[in-house]
Amino acid sequence: MDTLPDDCSVDESSLETYKYADMSRRELRSLIFHLLYAADAFEYQDSLHAIVDRFNRGFDLDIPQESEVVSIAQAVIDNRDALDEQFKPYLHNWRFERIGLCTKLILRMAFWEFNQKQIVSNIIINEAIELSKCFAEKDAYKFINGILDEAAKEIGIPQETEAESE
């Protein structure tokens, strides 16, 4: 069985003190990914609020129902078909049906972030690559990197802010 990369594993002894307010941006993205995965597993029949409630009870978490994580996950769920249509043109020599679920979820998240135009593309791409290394198929990160890099250039998402380039 493959093991998770070091930055994907969770120290079980720290789970009791793992609170929403203490999560990093990367951990919040991972949480969004997990919520999206669960929503897909329930074929989008269960409300996101019910899924969050199950996460909170089952994993002893404290995800606020009115949090940014829930809001983003709901937006990605609500717009999943449109987000899929946005990245389909970049699937050179690939059929949409052949792409794994985790890869699709990560691409949806990244394209949703592209649409918000609040985060520079190199951060969005890097975070998508890190998620794919943890949760998607073995070499999916290369595939995701290629799609997001091409899309960011074509869409015109800036790579870095002026402050970062100085």
N, C-alpha and C. Protein backbone atom coordinates (compact mmCIF):
# COMPACT_ATOMS: atom_id res chain seq x y z
N MET A 1 0.85 -1.19 0.00
CA MET A 1 0.00 0.00 0.00
C MET A 1 0.89 1.25 0.00
N ASP A 2 0.53 2.23 -0.82
CA ASP A 2 1.28 3.48 -0.86
C ASP A 2 1.06 4.26 0.42
N THR A 3 2.07 4.98 0.82
CA THR A 3 1.93 5.84 1.99
C THR A 3 1.76 7.27 1.52
N LEU A 4 1.16 8.07 2.37
CA LEU A 4 0.97 9.47 2.05
C LEU A 4 2.29 10.22 2.19
N PRO A 5 2.49 11.24 1.36
CA PRO A 5 3.67 12.09 1.56
C PRO A 5 3.64 12.69 2.97
N ASP A 6 4.82 13.05 3.48
CA ASP A 6 4.92 13.54 4.85
C ASP A 6 3.96 14.68 5.16
N ASP A 7 3.77 15.62 4.21
CA ASP A 7 2.92 16.76 4.49
C ASP A 7 1.43 16.44 4.36
N CYS A 8 1.08 15.18 4.08
CA CYS A 8 -0.32 14.76 3.99
C CYS A 8 -0.78 14.02 5.23
N SER A 9 0.17 13.56 6.01
CA SER A 9 -0.21 12.77 7.17
C SER A 9 -0.62 13.67 8.32
N VAL A 10 -1.39 13.09 9.23
CA VAL A 10 -1.88 13.82 10.39
C VAL A 10 -1.35 13.12 11.63
N ASP A 11 -0.80 13.89 12.53
CA ASP A 11 -0.33 13.36 13.81
C ASP A 11 -1.56 13.09 14.66
N GLU A 12 -1.87 11.82 14.87
CA GLU A 12 -3.10 11.47 15.58
C GLU A 12 -3.13 12.01 17.01
N SER A 13 -1.99 12.20 17.62
CA SER A 13 -1.98 12.73 18.98
C SER A 13 -2.44 14.18 19.03
N SER A 14 -2.38 14.89 17.89
CA SER A 14 -2.79 16.29 17.88
C SER A 14 -4.23 16.48 17.46
N LEU A 15 -4.94 15.40 17.13
CA LEU A 15 -6.30 15.53 16.63
C LEU A 15 -7.23 16.16 17.65
N GLU A 16 -7.02 15.89 18.92
CA GLU A 16 -7.92 16.43 19.92
C GLU A 16 -7.87 17.95 19.99
N THR A 17 -6.76 18.55 19.61
CA THR A 17 -6.62 20.00 19.67
C THR A 17 -6.70 20.64 18.28
N TYR A 18 -7.11 19.86 17.29
CA TYR A 18 -7.17 20.35 15.91
C TYR A 18 -8.46 21.13 15.70
N LYS A 19 -8.39 22.43 15.79
CA LYS A 19 -9.58 23.27 15.71
C LYS A 19 -9.59 24.07 14.42
N TYR A 20 -10.78 24.35 13.96
CA TYR A 20 -10.98 25.09 12.71
C TYR A 20 -10.21 26.40 12.70
N ALA A 21 -10.28 27.15 13.76
CA ALA A 21 -9.64 28.46 13.82
C ALA A 21 -8.12 28.38 13.70
N ASP A 22 -7.55 27.22 14.00
CA ASP A 22 -6.10 27.05 13.96
C ASP A 22 -5.59 26.49 12.63
N MET A 23 -6.49 26.21 11.70
CA MET A 23 -6.08 25.58 10.44
C MET A 23 -5.40 26.57 9.51
N SER A 24 -4.38 26.08 8.80
CA SER A 24 -3.70 26.89 7.80
C SER A 24 -4.56 26.96 6.54
N ARG A 25 -4.20 27.82 5.60
CA ARG A 25 -4.92 27.91 4.32
C ARG A 25 -4.87 26.56 3.60
N ARG A 26 -3.73 25.88 3.66
CA ARG A 26 -3.60 24.57 3.01
C ARG A 26 -4.54 23.55 3.65
N GLU A 27 -4.63 23.58 4.97
CA GLU A 27 -5.52 22.66 5.67
C GLU A 27 -6.98 22.97 5.36
N LEU A 28 -7.30 24.25 5.22
CA LEU A 28 -8.67 24.63 4.86
C LEU A 28 -9.01 24.14 3.46
N ARG A 29 -8.06 24.24 2.52
CA ARG A 29 -8.29 23.71 1.17
C ARG A 29 -8.50 22.19 1.23
N SER A 30 -7.72 21.52 2.04
CA SER A 30 -7.87 20.08 2.19
C SER A 30 -9.25 19.75 2.75
N LEU A 31 -9.71 20.53 3.69
CA LEU A 31 -11.04 20.33 4.27
C LEU A 31 -12.12 20.54 3.21
N ILE A 32 -11.97 21.58 2.39
CA ILE A 32 -12.92 21.80 1.29
C ILE A 32 -12.93 20.59 0.37
N PHE A 33 -11.75 20.09 0.02
CA PHE A 33 -11.65 18.90 -0.82
C PHE A 33 -12.42 17.73 -0.20
N HIS A 34 -12.22 17.50 1.09
CA HIS A 34 -12.91 16.39 1.76
C HIS A 34 -14.43 16.57 1.75
N LEU A 35 -14.89 17.80 1.94
CA LEU A 35 -16.33 18.05 1.88
C LEU A 35 -16.87 17.79 0.48
N LEU A 36 -16.12 18.21 -0.54
CA LEU A 36 -16.55 17.95 -1.92
C LEU A 36 -16.58 16.46 -2.22
N TYR A 37 -15.58 15.75 -1.72
CA TYR A 37 -15.51 14.31 -1.93
C TYR A 37 -16.72 13.62 -1.27
N ALA A 38 -17.03 14.04 -0.06
CA ALA A 38 -18.18 13.46 0.64
C ALA A 38 -19.49 13.78 -0.09
N ALA A 39 -19.63 15.01 -0.57
CA ALA A 39 -20.84 15.39 -1.31
C ALA A 39 -20.99 14.52 -2.55
N ASP A 40 -19.90 14.27 -3.25
CA ASP A 40 -19.95 13.41 -4.43
C ASP A 40 -20.30 11.98 -4.03
N ALA A 41 -19.74 11.51 -2.93
CA ALA A 41 -20.03 10.15 -2.46
C ALA A 41 -21.52 9.97 -2.18
N PHE A 42 -22.18 11.02 -1.74
CA PHE A 42 -23.62 10.98 -1.48
C PHE A 42 -24.41 11.43 -2.71
N GLU A 43 -23.71 11.50 -3.86
CA GLU A 43 -24.31 11.86 -5.14
C GLU A 43 -25.07 13.19 -5.08
N TYR A 44 -24.57 14.10 -4.26
CA TYR A 44 -25.11 15.45 -4.10
C TYR A 44 -26.57 15.43 -3.62
N GLN A 45 -26.97 14.34 -2.98
CA GLN A 45 -28.33 14.22 -2.46
C GLN A 45 -28.43 14.75 -1.03
N ASP A 46 -27.34 14.69 -0.28
CA ASP A 46 -27.33 15.22 1.08
C ASP A 46 -26.89 16.68 1.05
N SER A 47 -27.46 17.48 1.92
CA SER A 47 -27.06 18.88 1.96
C SER A 47 -25.64 18.98 2.51
N LEU A 48 -24.96 20.02 2.12
CA LEU A 48 -23.61 20.25 2.63
C LEU A 48 -23.65 20.47 4.14
N HIS A 49 -24.69 21.09 4.63
CA HIS A 49 -24.80 21.31 6.08
C HIS A 49 -24.89 19.98 6.83
N ALA A 50 -25.59 19.01 6.26
CA ALA A 50 -25.67 17.69 6.89
C ALA A 50 -24.30 17.01 6.87
N ILE A 51 -23.57 17.17 5.77
CA ILE A 51 -22.23 16.58 5.67
C ILE A 51 -21.29 17.22 6.69
N VAL A 52 -21.34 18.54 6.80
CA VAL A 52 -20.50 19.24 7.78
C VAL A 52 -20.85 18.77 9.19
N ASP A 53 -22.13 18.62 9.47
CA ASP A 53 -22.55 18.15 10.78
C ASP A 53 -21.96 16.77 11.06
N ARG A 54 -21.99 15.88 10.06
CA ARG A 54 -21.41 14.54 10.24
C ARG A 54 -19.89 14.62 10.46
N PHE A 55 -19.22 15.49 9.71
CA PHE A 55 -17.77 15.67 9.90
C PHE A 55 -17.51 16.14 11.32
N ASN A 56 -18.26 17.13 11.77
CA ASN A 56 -18.05 17.68 13.11
C ASN A 56 -18.24 16.61 14.19
N ARG A 57 -19.28 15.81 14.06
CA ARG A 57 -19.55 14.78 15.06
C ARG A 57 -18.60 13.59 14.91
N GLY A 58 -18.37 13.16 13.68
CA GLY A 58 -17.57 11.96 13.45
C GLY A 58 -16.08 12.15 13.67
N PHE A 59 -15.59 13.35 13.40
CA PHE A 59 -14.15 13.61 13.53
C PHE A 59 -13.84 14.58 14.65
N ASP A 60 -14.84 14.89 15.46
CA ASP A 60 -14.69 15.83 16.57
C ASP A 60 -14.09 17.15 16.10
N LEU A 61 -14.67 17.69 15.03
CA LEU A 61 -14.24 18.97 14.49
C LEU A 61 -15.21 20.06 14.93
N ASP A 62 -14.86 21.28 14.60
CA ASP A 62 -15.73 22.40 14.95
C ASP A 62 -15.89 23.33 13.75
N ILE A 63 -16.23 22.77 12.59
CA ILE A 63 -16.38 23.57 11.37
C ILE A 63 -17.68 24.37 11.49
N PRO A 64 -17.58 25.69 11.51
CA PRO A 64 -18.80 26.49 11.58
C PRO A 64 -19.62 26.36 10.29
N GLN A 65 -20.92 26.22 10.42
CA GLN A 65 -21.78 26.10 9.24
C GLN A 65 -21.71 27.35 8.36
N GLU A 66 -21.42 28.48 8.95
CA GLU A 66 -21.36 29.74 8.19
C GLU A 66 -19.92 30.12 7.86
N SER A 67 -19.03 29.15 7.77
CA SER A 67 -17.62 29.44 7.54
C SER A 67 -17.30 29.60 6.05
N GLU A 68 -16.12 30.14 5.81
CA GLU A 68 -15.62 30.29 4.44
C GLU A 68 -15.49 28.93 3.76
N VAL A 69 -15.07 27.92 4.50
CA VAL A 69 -14.90 26.57 3.95
C VAL A 69 -16.24 26.05 3.42
N VAL A 70 -17.29 26.18 4.20
CA VAL A 70 -18.61 25.70 3.78
C VAL A 70 -19.11 26.53 2.60
N SER A 71 -18.89 27.83 2.65
CA SER A 71 -19.32 28.70 1.57
C SER A 71 -18.63 28.34 0.25
N ILE A 72 -17.32 28.12 0.29
CA ILE A 72 -16.58 27.77 -0.91
C ILE A 72 -17.00 26.39 -1.42
N ALA A 73 -17.10 25.43 -0.52
CA ALA A 73 -17.52 24.08 -0.93
C ALA A 73 -18.89 24.13 -1.59
N GLN A 74 -19.81 24.90 -1.02
CA GLN A 74 -21.15 25.00 -1.60
C GLN A 74 -21.10 25.66 -2.97
N ALA A 75 -20.27 26.68 -3.12
CA ALA A 75 -20.14 27.35 -4.42
C ALA A 75 -19.58 26.40 -5.48
N VAL A 76 -18.59 25.60 -5.10
CA VAL A 76 -18.02 24.63 -6.05
C VAL A 76 -19.08 23.58 -6.41
N ILE A 77 -19.83 23.12 -5.42
CA ILE A 77 -20.89 22.14 -5.68
C ILE A 77 -21.95 22.73 -6.61
N ASP A 78 -22.40 23.93 -6.30
CA ASP A 78 -23.45 24.57 -7.09
C ASP A 78 -23.02 24.84 -8.53
N ASN A 79 -21.73 25.07 -8.74
CA ASN A 79 -21.22 25.43 -10.06
C ASN A 79 -20.41 24.31 -10.71
N ARG A 80 -20.50 23.09 -10.22
CA ARG A 80 -19.64 22.01 -10.70
C ARG A 80 -19.74 21.76 -12.20
N ASP A 81 -20.94 21.83 -12.76
CA ASP A 81 -21.07 21.60 -14.19
C ASP A 81 -20.40 22.71 -15.00
N ALA A 82 -20.60 23.95 -14.59
CA ALA A 82 -19.97 25.08 -15.28
C ALA A 82 -18.45 25.03 -15.12
N LEU A 83 -17.97 24.64 -13.94
CA LEU A 83 -16.52 24.53 -13.71
C LEU A 83 -15.93 23.43 -14.58
N ASP A 84 -16.64 22.31 -14.70
CA ASP A 84 -16.18 21.23 -15.59
C ASP A 84 -16.06 21.74 -17.02
N GLU A 85 -17.03 22.52 -17.46
CA GLU A 85 -17.00 23.05 -18.83
C GLU A 85 -15.82 24.00 -19.02
N GLN A 86 -15.41 24.68 -17.97
CA GLN A 86 -14.27 25.60 -18.07
C GLN A 86 -12.97 24.85 -18.28
N PHE A 87 -12.79 23.70 -17.65
CA PHE A 87 -11.51 23.01 -17.83
C PHE A 87 -11.52 21.96 -18.93
N LYS A 88 -12.67 21.59 -19.45
CA LYS A 88 -12.73 20.60 -20.53
C LYS A 88 -11.90 20.99 -21.76
N PRO A 89 -11.88 22.26 -22.18
CA PRO A 89 -11.08 22.61 -23.36
C PRO A 89 -9.57 22.35 -23.19
N TYR A 90 -9.12 22.21 -21.96
CA TYR A 90 -7.69 21.99 -21.70
C TYR A 90 -7.33 20.51 -21.58
N LEU A 91 -8.29 19.65 -21.77
CA LEU A 91 -8.07 18.20 -21.66
C LEU A 91 -7.59 17.64 -23.00
N HIS A 92 -6.47 18.08 -23.44
CA HIS A 92 -5.93 17.62 -24.72
C HIS A 92 -5.68 16.11 -24.66
N ASN A 93 -6.25 15.40 -25.62
CA ASN A 93 -6.08 13.95 -25.73
C ASN A 93 -6.62 13.18 -24.52
N TRP A 94 -7.52 13.78 -23.77
CA TRP A 94 -8.15 13.10 -22.63
C TRP A 94 -9.65 13.27 -22.73
N ARG A 95 -10.38 12.25 -22.37
CA ARG A 95 -11.83 12.35 -22.27
C ARG A 95 -12.18 12.66 -20.82
N PHE A 96 -13.13 13.52 -20.65
CA PHE A 96 -13.56 13.94 -19.31
C PHE A 96 -13.93 12.73 -18.44
N GLU A 97 -14.59 11.75 -19.03
CA GLU A 97 -15.04 10.57 -18.29
C GLU A 97 -13.88 9.75 -17.74
N ARG A 98 -12.69 9.89 -18.30
CA ARG A 98 -11.55 9.10 -17.86
C ARG A 98 -10.79 9.73 -16.70
N ILE A 99 -11.13 10.93 -16.36
CA ILE A 99 -10.42 11.62 -15.29
C ILE A 99 -10.97 11.15 -13.94
N GLY A 100 -10.07 10.85 -13.02
CA GLY A 100 -10.47 10.39 -11.70
C GLY A 100 -11.21 11.46 -10.92
N LEU A 101 -12.04 11.01 -10.00
CA LEU A 101 -12.85 11.92 -9.20
C LEU A 101 -12.00 12.95 -8.45
N CYS A 102 -10.94 12.50 -7.80
CA CYS A 102 -10.12 13.43 -7.01
C CYS A 102 -9.52 14.51 -7.91
N THR A 103 -9.08 14.11 -9.08
CA THR A 103 -8.51 15.07 -10.03
C THR A 103 -9.58 16.08 -10.45
N LYS A 104 -10.79 15.61 -10.73
CA LYS A 104 -11.88 16.52 -11.10
C LYS A 104 -12.18 17.51 -9.98
N LEU A 105 -12.24 17.01 -8.76
CA LEU A 105 -12.55 17.89 -7.63
C LEU A 105 -11.48 18.97 -7.46
N ILE A 106 -10.23 18.59 -7.61
CA ILE A 106 -9.13 19.55 -7.47
C ILE A 106 -9.18 20.58 -8.60
N LEU A 107 -9.46 20.14 -9.82
CA LEU A 107 -9.58 21.08 -10.94
C LEU A 107 -10.77 22.02 -10.73
N ARG A 108 -11.88 21.49 -10.23
CA ARG A 108 -13.03 22.37 -9.95
C ARG A 108 -12.67 23.44 -8.93
N MET A 109 -12.00 23.03 -7.87
CA MET A 109 -11.59 23.99 -6.84
C MET A 109 -10.69 25.07 -7.42
N ALA A 110 -9.71 24.64 -8.22
CA ALA A 110 -8.75 25.59 -8.79
C ALA A 110 -9.44 26.56 -9.75
N PHE A 111 -10.32 26.05 -10.61
CA PHE A 111 -11.02 26.94 -11.54
C PHE A 111 -11.97 27.87 -10.79
N TRP A 112 -12.56 27.40 -9.70
CA TRP A 112 -13.38 28.29 -8.91
C TRP A 112 -12.52 29.43 -8.38
N GLU A 113 -11.32 29.09 -7.88
CA GLU A 113 -10.42 30.14 -7.37
C GLU A 113 -9.96 31.07 -8.49
N PHE A 114 -9.69 30.52 -9.67
CA PHE A 114 -9.35 31.38 -10.82
C PHE A 114 -10.46 32.41 -11.05
N ASN A 115 -11.70 31.96 -10.99
CA ASN A 115 -12.84 32.83 -11.25
C ASN A 115 -12.97 33.95 -10.22
N GLN A 116 -12.49 33.71 -9.01
CA GLN A 116 -12.60 34.72 -7.95
C GLN A 116 -11.61 35.86 -8.14
N LYS A 117 -10.51 35.56 -8.82
CA LYS A 117 -9.47 36.56 -9.13
C LYS A 117 -8.94 37.28 -7.88
N GLN A 118 -8.91 36.54 -6.76
CA GLN A 118 -8.40 37.11 -5.52
C GLN A 118 -7.04 36.55 -5.14
N ILE A 119 -6.67 35.43 -5.77
CA ILE A 119 -5.42 34.77 -5.45
C ILE A 119 -4.64 34.62 -6.74
N VAL A 120 -3.34 34.84 -6.67
CA VAL A 120 -2.51 34.73 -7.87
C VAL A 120 -2.41 33.28 -8.32
N SER A 121 -2.19 33.10 -9.60
CA SER A 121 -2.24 31.76 -10.19
C SER A 121 -1.19 30.81 -9.64
N ASN A 122 0.02 31.31 -9.35
CA ASN A 122 1.05 30.37 -8.88
C ASN A 122 0.68 29.76 -7.52
N ILE A 123 -0.05 30.47 -6.69
CA ILE A 123 -0.50 29.92 -5.42
C ILE A 123 -1.60 28.89 -5.66
N ILE A 124 -2.56 29.22 -6.51
CA ILE A 124 -3.65 28.29 -6.82
C ILE A 124 -3.09 27.00 -7.40
N ILE A 125 -2.18 27.14 -8.35
CA ILE A 125 -1.59 25.96 -9.01
C ILE A 125 -0.80 25.14 -8.01
N ASN A 126 0.03 25.79 -7.20
CA ASN A 126 0.83 25.07 -6.21
C ASN A 126 -0.06 24.31 -5.22
N GLU A 127 -1.10 24.95 -4.75
CA GLU A 127 -2.00 24.29 -3.79
C GLU A 127 -2.73 23.12 -4.44
N ALA A 128 -3.12 23.26 -5.70
CA ALA A 128 -3.76 22.15 -6.41
C ALA A 128 -2.80 20.99 -6.58
N ILE A 129 -1.55 21.29 -6.89
CA ILE A 129 -0.54 20.24 -7.03
C ILE A 129 -0.35 19.52 -5.70
N GLU A 130 -0.26 20.26 -4.61
CA GLU A 130 -0.08 19.64 -3.30
C GLU A 130 -1.28 18.76 -2.93
N LEU A 131 -2.49 19.22 -3.20
CA LEU A 131 -3.67 18.40 -2.95
C LEU A 131 -3.62 17.12 -3.78
N SER A 132 -3.22 17.26 -5.04
CA SER A 132 -3.19 16.08 -5.92
C SER A 132 -2.13 15.08 -5.48
N LYS A 133 -1.03 15.56 -4.96
CA LYS A 133 0.00 14.64 -4.46
C LYS A 133 -0.51 13.84 -3.26
N CYS A 134 -1.40 14.43 -2.50
CA CYS A 134 -1.94 13.75 -1.32
C CYS A 134 -3.12 12.84 -1.65
N PHE A 135 -3.98 13.26 -2.59
CA PHE A 135 -5.26 12.59 -2.72
C PHE A 135 -5.57 12.02 -4.11
N ALA A 136 -4.94 12.49 -5.14
CA ALA A 136 -5.28 12.03 -6.49
C ALA A 136 -4.37 10.88 -6.92
N GLU A 137 -4.56 10.44 -8.13
CA GLU A 137 -3.78 9.36 -8.69
C GLU A 137 -2.30 9.72 -8.69
N LYS A 138 -1.43 8.73 -8.82
CA LYS A 138 0.01 8.88 -8.63
C LYS A 138 0.62 10.08 -9.36
N ASP A 139 0.41 10.20 -10.65
CA ASP A 139 1.03 11.30 -11.41
C ASP A 139 0.04 12.38 -11.80
N ALA A 140 -1.10 12.44 -11.13
CA ALA A 140 -2.13 13.43 -11.46
C ALA A 140 -1.61 14.85 -11.30
N TYR A 141 -0.66 15.06 -10.42
CA TYR A 141 -0.16 16.42 -10.20
C TYR A 141 0.45 17.01 -11.47
N LYS A 142 1.06 16.18 -12.29
CA LYS A 142 1.64 16.66 -13.55
C LYS A 142 0.53 17.09 -14.51
N PHE A 143 -0.50 16.29 -14.59
CA PHE A 143 -1.66 16.57 -15.42
C PHE A 143 -2.33 17.87 -14.97
N ILE A 144 -2.57 17.98 -13.67
CA ILE A 144 -3.21 19.17 -13.10
C ILE A 144 -2.35 20.41 -13.34
N ASN A 145 -1.06 20.29 -13.13
CA ASN A 145 -0.15 21.42 -13.36
C ASN A 145 -0.24 21.90 -14.80
N GLY A 146 -0.22 20.99 -15.75
CA GLY A 146 -0.29 21.37 -17.16
C GLY A 146 -1.58 22.08 -17.50
N ILE A 147 -2.70 21.55 -17.03
CA ILE A 147 -4.00 22.16 -17.32
C ILE A 147 -4.09 23.54 -16.69
N LEU A 148 -3.74 23.65 -15.43
CA LEU A 148 -3.88 24.93 -14.72
C LEU A 148 -2.91 25.98 -15.24
N ASP A 149 -1.70 25.57 -15.58
CA ASP A 149 -0.73 26.52 -16.12
C ASP A 149 -1.23 27.10 -17.44
N GLU A 150 -1.68 26.22 -18.34
CA GLU A 150 -2.20 26.68 -19.63
C GLU A 150 -3.42 27.58 -19.44
N ALA A 151 -4.34 27.16 -18.59
CA ALA A 151 -5.56 27.93 -18.36
C ALA A 151 -5.26 29.29 -17.76
N ALA A 152 -4.37 29.34 -16.78
CA ALA A 152 -4.04 30.62 -16.13
C ALA A 152 -3.46 31.61 -17.13
N LYS A 153 -2.61 31.11 -18.02
CA LYS A 153 -2.03 31.99 -19.04
C LYS A 153 -3.09 32.47 -20.02
N GLU A 154 -3.96 31.56 -20.45
CA GLU A 154 -4.99 31.92 -21.42
C GLU A 154 -6.04 32.85 -20.81
N ILE A 155 -6.44 32.57 -19.58
CA ILE A 155 -7.45 33.39 -18.90
C ILE A 155 -6.86 34.73 -18.49
N GLY A 156 -5.56 34.76 -18.24
CA GLY A 156 -4.90 35.99 -17.82
C GLY A 156 -4.85 36.19 -16.33
N ILE A 157 -4.78 35.10 -15.57
CA ILE A 157 -4.66 35.20 -14.12
C ILE A 157 -3.21 35.56 -13.80
N PRO A 158 -2.96 36.65 -13.06
CA PRO A 158 -1.58 37.03 -12.76
C PRO A 158 -0.86 35.95 -11.94
N GLN A 159 0.45 35.84 -12.20
CA GLN A 159 1.25 34.84 -11.49
C GLN A 159 1.64 35.29 -10.10
N GLU A 160 1.88 36.54 -9.93
CA GLU A 160 2.26 37.06 -8.61
C GLU A 160 1.83 38.49 -8.48
N THR A 161 1.68 38.96 -7.24
CA THR A 161 1.34 40.35 -7.03
C THR A 161 2.57 41.20 -7.21
N GLU A 162 2.37 42.49 -7.35
CA GLU A 162 3.50 43.40 -7.51
C GLU A 162 4.42 43.35 -6.31
N ALA A 163 3.84 43.21 -5.12
CA ALA A 163 4.65 43.16 -3.89
C ALA A 163 5.54 41.92 -3.88
N GLU A 164 5.02 40.80 -4.41
CA GLU A 164 5.80 39.57 -4.43
C GLU A 164 6.95 39.65 -5.43
N SER A 165 6.77 40.42 -6.50
CA SER A 165 7.80 40.47 -7.53
C SER A 165 8.92 41.43 -7.19
N GLU A 166 8.76 42.24 -6.18
CA GLU A 166 9.81 43.20 -5.81
C GLU A 166 10.88 42.58 -4.95
